C-alpha cells in the first residue's frame, strides 16, 4: 500500500496516514505505529466520514 499523510502534519509523526483501497475505499493507520493495526473503510463509509468532518459533525 502507498501510505500518505497530510502536508499539514509536519514532522512530529503525531498524525494518521491513509492509503487507497480498491473500489474507492481507504485504510487508516497511526503514523507512530506503522506496523500496528489499521482501520479499513468502504468508499461509502469514507465518504460519510469526510462529509461529517466538513459539516463540523465532530467539532467540540
PDB file of N, CA and C in Angstrom:
ATOM      1  N   UNK A   1       0.841  -1.188   0.000  1.00  0.00           N
ATOM      2  CA  UNK A   1       0.000   0.000   0.000  1.00  0.00           C
ATOM      3  C   UNK A   1       0.876   1.239   0.000  1.00  0.00           C
ATOM      4  N   UNK A   2       0.392   2.263  -0.638  1.00  0.00           N
ATOM      5  CA  UNK A   2       1.086   3.542  -0.647  1.00  0.00           C
ATOM      6  C   UNK A   2       0.430   4.451   0.376  1.00  0.00           C
ATOM      7  N   UNK A   3       1.095   4.620   1.515  1.00  0.00           N
ATOM      8  CA  UNK A   3       0.561   5.431   2.605  1.00  0.00           C
ATOM      9  C   UNK A   3       0.959   6.877   2.407  1.00  0.00           C
ATOM     10  N   UNK A   4       0.083   7.786   2.828  1.00  0.00           N
ATOM     11  CA  UNK A   4       0.396   9.227   2.768  1.00  0.00           C
ATOM     12  C   UNK A   4      -0.230   9.916   3.973  1.00  0.00           C
ATOM     13  N   UNK A   5       0.354  11.034   4.332  1.00  0.00           N
ATOM     14  CA  UNK A   5      -0.205  11.827   5.425  1.00  0.00           C
ATOM     15  C   UNK A   5      -0.371  13.257   4.945  1.00  0.00           C
ATOM     16  N   UNK A   6      -1.140  14.005   5.662  1.00  0.00           N
ATOM     17  CA  UNK A   6      -1.424  15.383   5.301  1.00  0.00           C
ATOM     18  C   UNK A   6      -0.155  16.225   5.324  1.00  0.00           C
ATOM     19  N   UNK A   7      -0.055  17.143   4.399  1.00  0.00           N
ATOM     20  CA  UNK A   7       1.080  18.077   4.398  1.00  0.00           C
ATOM     21  C   UNK A   7       1.025  19.006   5.600  1.00  0.00           C
ATOM     22  N   UNK A   8      -0.122  19.084   6.280  1.00  0.00           N
ATOM     23  CA  UNK A   8      -0.273  19.901   7.479  1.00  0.00           C
ATOM     24  C   UNK A   8       0.314  19.211   8.705  1.00  0.00           C
ATOM     25  N   UNK A   9       0.688  17.955   8.599  1.00  0.00           N
ATOM     26  CA  UNK A   9       1.154  17.185   9.745  1.00  0.00           C
ATOM     27  C   UNK A   9       2.537  17.589  10.228  1.00  0.00           C
ATOM     28  N   UNK A  10       3.360  18.108   9.371  1.00  0.00           N
ATOM     29  CA  UNK A  10       4.714  18.461   9.764  1.00  0.00           C
ATOM     30  C   UNK A  10       5.554  17.224   9.992  1.00  0.00           C
ATOM     31  N   UNK A  11       6.546  17.332  10.845  1.00  0.00           N
ATOM     32  CA  UNK A  11       7.472  16.216  11.071  1.00  0.00           C
ATOM     33  C   UNK A  11       7.317  15.592  12.445  1.00  0.00           C
ATOM     34  N   UNK A  12       6.214  15.835  13.132  1.00  0.00           N
ATOM     35  CA  UNK A  12       6.060  15.343  14.502  1.00  0.00           C
ATOM     36  C   UNK A  12       5.626  13.883  14.583  1.00  0.00           C
ATOM     37  N   UNK A  13       5.177  13.307  13.480  1.00  0.00           N
ATOM     38  CA  UNK A  13       4.679  11.922  13.454  1.00  0.00           C
ATOM     39  C   UNK A  13       3.529  11.685  14.420  1.00  0.00           C
ATOM     40  N   UNK A  14       2.773  12.695  14.718  1.00  0.00           N
ATOM     41  CA  UNK A  14       1.591  12.552  15.572  1.00  0.00           C
ATOM     42  C   UNK A  14       0.350  12.769  14.720  1.00  0.00           C
ATOM     43  N   UNK A  15       0.166  11.861  13.781  1.00  0.00           N
ATOM     44  CA  UNK A  15      -0.960  12.002  12.878  1.00  0.00           C
ATOM     45  C   UNK A  15      -1.346  10.625  12.363  1.00  0.00           C
ATOM     46  N   UNK A  16      -2.237  10.605  11.430  1.00  0.00           N
ATOM     47  CA  UNK A  16      -2.636   9.357  10.790  1.00  0.00           C
ATOM     48  C   UNK A  16      -2.236   9.413   9.324  1.00  0.00           C
ATOM     49  N   UNK A  17      -2.121   8.242   8.733  1.00  0.00           N
ATOM     50  CA  UNK A  17      -1.841   8.123   7.309  1.00  0.00           C
ATOM     51  C   UNK A  17      -3.004   7.381   6.668  1.00  0.00           C
ATOM     52  N   UNK A  18      -3.234   7.669   5.403  1.00  0.00           N
ATOM     53  CA  UNK A  18      -4.278   6.952   4.676  1.00  0.00           C
ATOM     54  C   UNK A  18      -3.693   6.315   3.427  1.00  0.00           C
ATOM     55  N   UNK A  19      -4.351   5.256   2.973  1.00  0.00           N
ATOM     56  CA  UNK A  19      -3.971   4.582   1.734  1.00  0.00           C
ATOM     57  C   UNK A  19      -5.249   4.267   0.971  1.00  0.00           C
ATOM     58  N   UNK A  20      -5.155   4.335  -0.336  1.00  0.00           N
ATOM     59  CA  UNK A  20      -6.298   3.997  -1.178  1.00  0.00           C
ATOM     60  C   UNK A  20      -6.466   2.485  -1.237  1.00  0.00           C
ATOM     61  N   UNK A  21      -7.701   2.038  -1.212  1.00  0.00           N
ATOM     62  CA  UNK A  21      -8.043   0.630  -1.365  1.00  0.00           C
ATOM     63  C   UNK A  21      -8.846   0.455  -2.650  1.00  0.00           C
ATOM     64  N   UNK A  22      -8.963  -0.769  -3.132  1.00  0.00           N
ATOM     65  CA  UNK A  22      -9.770  -0.994  -4.335  1.00  0.00           C
ATOM     66  C   UNK A  22     -11.205  -0.493  -4.151  1.00  0.00           C
ATOM     67  N   UNK A  23     -11.818  -0.116  -5.221  1.00  0.00           N
ATOM     68  CA  UNK A  23     -13.211   0.347  -5.257  1.00  0.00           C
ATOM     69  C   UNK A  23     -13.444   1.608  -4.444  1.00  0.00           C
ATOM     70  N   UNK A  24     -12.405   2.419  -4.234  1.00  0.00           N
ATOM     71  CA  UNK A  24     -12.571   3.707  -3.582  1.00  0.00           C
ATOM     72  C   UNK A  24     -12.520   3.702  -2.073  1.00  0.00           C
ATOM     73  N   UNK A  25     -12.245   2.571  -1.459  1.00  0.00           N
ATOM     74  CA  UNK A  25     -12.123   2.512  -0.006  1.00  0.00           C
ATOM     75  C   UNK A  25     -10.833   3.155   0.472  1.00  0.00           C
ATOM     76  N   UNK A  26     -10.689   3.260   1.782  1.00  0.00           N
ATOM     77  CA  UNK A  26      -9.476   3.821   2.380  1.00  0.00           C
ATOM     78  C   UNK A  26      -9.069   2.986   3.593  1.00  0.00           C
ATOM     79  N   UNK A  27      -7.773   2.967   3.846  1.00  0.00           N
ATOM     80  CA  UNK A  27      -7.221   2.381   5.063  1.00  0.00           C
ATOM     81  C   UNK A  27      -6.581   3.511   5.844  1.00  0.00           C
ATOM     82  N   UNK A  28      -6.640   3.437   7.167  1.00  0.00           N
ATOM     83  CA  UNK A  28      -6.097   4.479   8.044  1.00  0.00           C
ATOM     84  C   UNK A  28      -5.243   3.816   9.106  1.00  0.00           C
ATOM     85  N   UNK A  29      -4.057   4.395   9.372  1.00  0.00           N
ATOM     86  CA  UNK A  29      -3.182   3.868  10.416  1.00  0.00           C
ATOM     87  C   UNK A  29      -2.507   5.011  11.166  1.00  0.00           C
ATOM     88  N   UNK A  30      -1.968   4.679  12.329  1.00  0.00           N
ATOM     89  CA  UNK A  30      -1.249   5.633  13.176  1.00  0.00           C
ATOM     90  C   UNK A  30       0.187   5.749  12.659  1.00  0.00           C
ATOM     91  N   UNK A  31       0.638   6.958  12.401  1.00  0.00           N
ATOM     92  CA  UNK A  31       1.992   7.187  11.908  1.00  0.00           C
ATOM     93  C   UNK A  31       3.050   6.670  12.876  1.00  0.00           C
ATOM     94  N   UNK A  32       2.786   6.773  14.181  1.00  0.00           N
ATOM     95  CA  UNK A  32       3.766   6.334  15.177  1.00  0.00           C
ATOM     96  C   UNK A  32       3.901   4.820  15.242  1.00  0.00           C
ATOM     97  N   UNK A  33       2.918   4.086  14.714  1.00  0.00           N
ATOM     98  CA  UNK A  33       2.936   2.626  14.787  1.00  0.00           C
ATOM     99  C   UNK A  33       2.568   2.035  13.425  1.00  0.00           C
ATOM    100  N   UNK A  34       3.449   2.202  12.434  1.00  0.00           N
ATOM    101  CA  UNK A  34       3.111   1.771  11.075  1.00  0.00           C
ATOM    102  C   UNK A  34       2.913   0.262  10.932  1.00  0.00           C
ATOM    103  N   UNK A  35       3.436  -0.521  11.860  1.00  0.00           N
ATOM    104  CA  UNK A  35       3.257  -1.971  11.801  1.00  0.00           C
ATOM    105  C   UNK A  35       2.089  -2.444  12.652  1.00  0.00           C
ATOM    106  N   UNK A  36       1.406  -1.515  13.302  1.00  0.00           N
ATOM    107  CA  UNK A  36       0.246  -1.856  14.120  1.00  0.00           C
ATOM    108  C   UNK A  36      -0.973  -2.067  13.250  1.00  0.00           C
ATOM    109  N   UNK A  37      -2.107  -2.047  13.855  1.00  0.00           N
ATOM    110  CA  UNK A  37      -3.351  -2.266  13.128  1.00  0.00           C
ATOM    111  C   UNK A  37      -3.739  -1.098  12.251  1.00  0.00           C
ATOM    112  N   UNK A  38      -4.731  -1.348  11.423  1.00  0.00           N
ATOM    113  CA  UNK A  38      -5.272  -0.305  10.559  1.00  0.00           C
ATOM    114  C   UNK A  38      -6.782  -0.436  10.528  1.00  0.00           C
ATOM    115  N   UNK A  39      -7.425   0.644  10.223  1.00  0.00           N
ATOM    116  CA  UNK A  39      -8.870   0.650  10.021  1.00  0.00           C
ATOM    117  C   UNK A  39      -9.130   0.669   8.529  1.00  0.00           C
ATOM    118  N   UNK A  40     -10.110  -0.103   8.099  1.00  0.00           N
ATOM    119  CA  UNK A  40     -10.479  -0.138   6.682  1.00  0.00           C
ATOM    120  C   UNK A  40     -11.911   0.368   6.525  1.00  0.00           C
ATOM    121  N   UNK A  41     -12.088   1.228   5.539  1.00  0.00           N
ATOM    122  CA  UNK A  41     -13.394   1.821   5.266  1.00  0.00           C
ATOM    123  C   UNK A  41     -13.781   1.572   3.814  1.00  0.00           C
ATOM    124  N   UNK A  42     -15.040   1.270   3.589  1.00  0.00           N
ATOM    125  CA  UNK A  42     -15.537   1.195   2.218  1.00  0.00           C
ATOM    126  C   UNK A  42     -15.613   2.619   1.665  1.00  0.00           C
ATOM    127  N   UNK A  43     -15.824   2.723   0.373  1.00  0.00           N
ATOM    128  CA  UNK A  43     -15.955   4.051  -0.238  1.00  0.00           C
ATOM    129  C   UNK A  43     -17.116   4.826   0.377  1.00  0.00           C
ATOM    130  N   UNK A  44     -18.240   4.150   0.617  1.00  0.00           N
ATOM    131  CA  UNK A  44     -19.409   4.830   1.204  1.00  0.00           C
ATOM    132  C   UNK A  44     -19.125   5.284   2.631  1.00  0.00           C
ATOM    133  N   UNK A  45     -18.447   4.455   3.408  1.00  0.00           N
ATOM    134  CA  UNK A  45     -18.112   4.831   4.789  1.00  0.00           C
ATOM    135  C   UNK A  45     -17.151   6.018   4.811  1.00  0.00           C
ATOM    136  N   UNK A  46     -16.164   6.001   3.936  1.00  0.00           N
ATOM    137  CA  UNK A  46     -15.191   7.102   3.879  1.00  0.00           C
ATOM    138  C   UNK A  46     -15.873   8.393   3.444  1.00  0.00           C
ATOM    139  N   UNK A  47     -16.760   8.299   2.479  1.00  0.00           N
ATOM    140  CA  UNK A  47     -17.500   9.481   2.006  1.00  0.00           C
ATOM    141  C   UNK A  47     -18.350  10.065   3.139  1.00  0.00           C
ATOM    142  N   UNK A  48     -19.041   9.215   3.884  1.00  0.00           N
ATOM    143  CA  UNK A  48     -19.862   9.689   5.009  1.00  0.00           C
ATOM    144  C   UNK A  48     -18.989  10.353   6.069  1.00  0.00           C
ATOM    145  N   UNK A  49     -17.832   9.778   6.355  1.00  0.00           N
ATOM    146  CA  UNK A  49     -16.922  10.349   7.348  1.00  0.00           C
ATOM    147  C   UNK A  49     -16.413  11.716   6.899  1.00  0.00           C
ATOM    148  N   UNK A  50     -15.930  11.819   5.662  1.00  0.00           N
ATOM    149  CA  UNK A  50     -15.387  13.100   5.208  1.00  0.00           C
ATOM    150  C   UNK A  50     -16.460  14.178   5.116  1.00  0.00           C
ATOM    151  N   UNK A  51     -17.668  13.805   4.720  1.00  0.00           N
ATOM    152  CA  UNK A  51     -18.766  14.779   4.714  1.00  0.00           C
ATOM    153  C   UNK A  51     -19.085  15.248   6.138  1.00  0.00           C
ATOM    154  N   UNK A  52     -19.033  14.330   7.111  1.00  0.00           N
ATOM    155  CA  UNK A  52     -19.262  14.692   8.503  1.00  0.00           C
ATOM    156  C   UNK A  52     -18.199  15.640   9.031  1.00  0.00           C
ATOM    157  N   UNK A  53     -16.943  15.410   8.653  1.00  0.00           N
ATOM    158  CA  UNK A  53     -15.857  16.309   9.073  1.00  0.00           C
ATOM    159  C   UNK A  53     -16.084  17.702   8.493  1.00  0.00           C
ATOM    160  N   UNK A  54     -16.384  17.761   7.206  1.00  0.00           N
ATOM    161  CA  UNK A  54     -16.584  19.062   6.556  1.00  0.00           C
ATOM    162  C   UNK A  54     -17.792  19.799   7.127  1.00  0.00           C
ATOM    163  N   UNK A  55     -18.794  19.068   7.601  1.00  0.00           N
ATOM    164  CA  UNK A  55     -20.001  19.681   8.170  1.00  0.00           C
ATOM    165  C   UNK A  55     -19.832  20.067   9.633  1.00  0.00           C
ATOM    166  N   UNK A  56     -18.675  19.723  10.230  1.00  0.00           N
ATOM    167  CA  UNK A  56     -18.442  20.060  11.631  1.00  0.00           C
ATOM    168  C   UNK A  56     -19.068  19.082  12.602  1.00  0.00           C
ATOM    169  N   UNK A  57     -19.467  17.938  12.114  1.00  0.00           N
ATOM    170  CA  UNK A  57     -20.150  16.953  12.934  1.00  0.00           C
ATOM    171  C   UNK A  57     -19.324  16.467  14.140  1.00  0.00           C
ATOM    172  N   UNK A  58     -18.004  16.539  14.029  1.00  0.00           N
ATOM    173  CA  UNK A  58     -17.134  16.031  15.077  1.00  0.00           C
ATOM    174  C   UNK A  58     -16.452  17.136  15.882  1.00  0.00           C
ATOM    175  N   UNK A  59     -16.814  18.388  15.622  1.00  0.00           N
ATOM    176  CA  UNK A  59     -16.228  19.501  16.371  1.00  0.00           C
ATOM    177  C   UNK A  59     -16.740  19.510  17.808  1.00  0.00           C
ATOM    178  N   UNK A  60     -15.887  19.916  18.705  1.00  0.00           N
ATOM    179  CA  UNK A  60     -16.288  20.021  20.113  1.00  0.00           C
ATOM    180  C   UNK A  60     -16.809  21.401  20.425  1.00  0.00           C
TER     181      UNK A  60
END
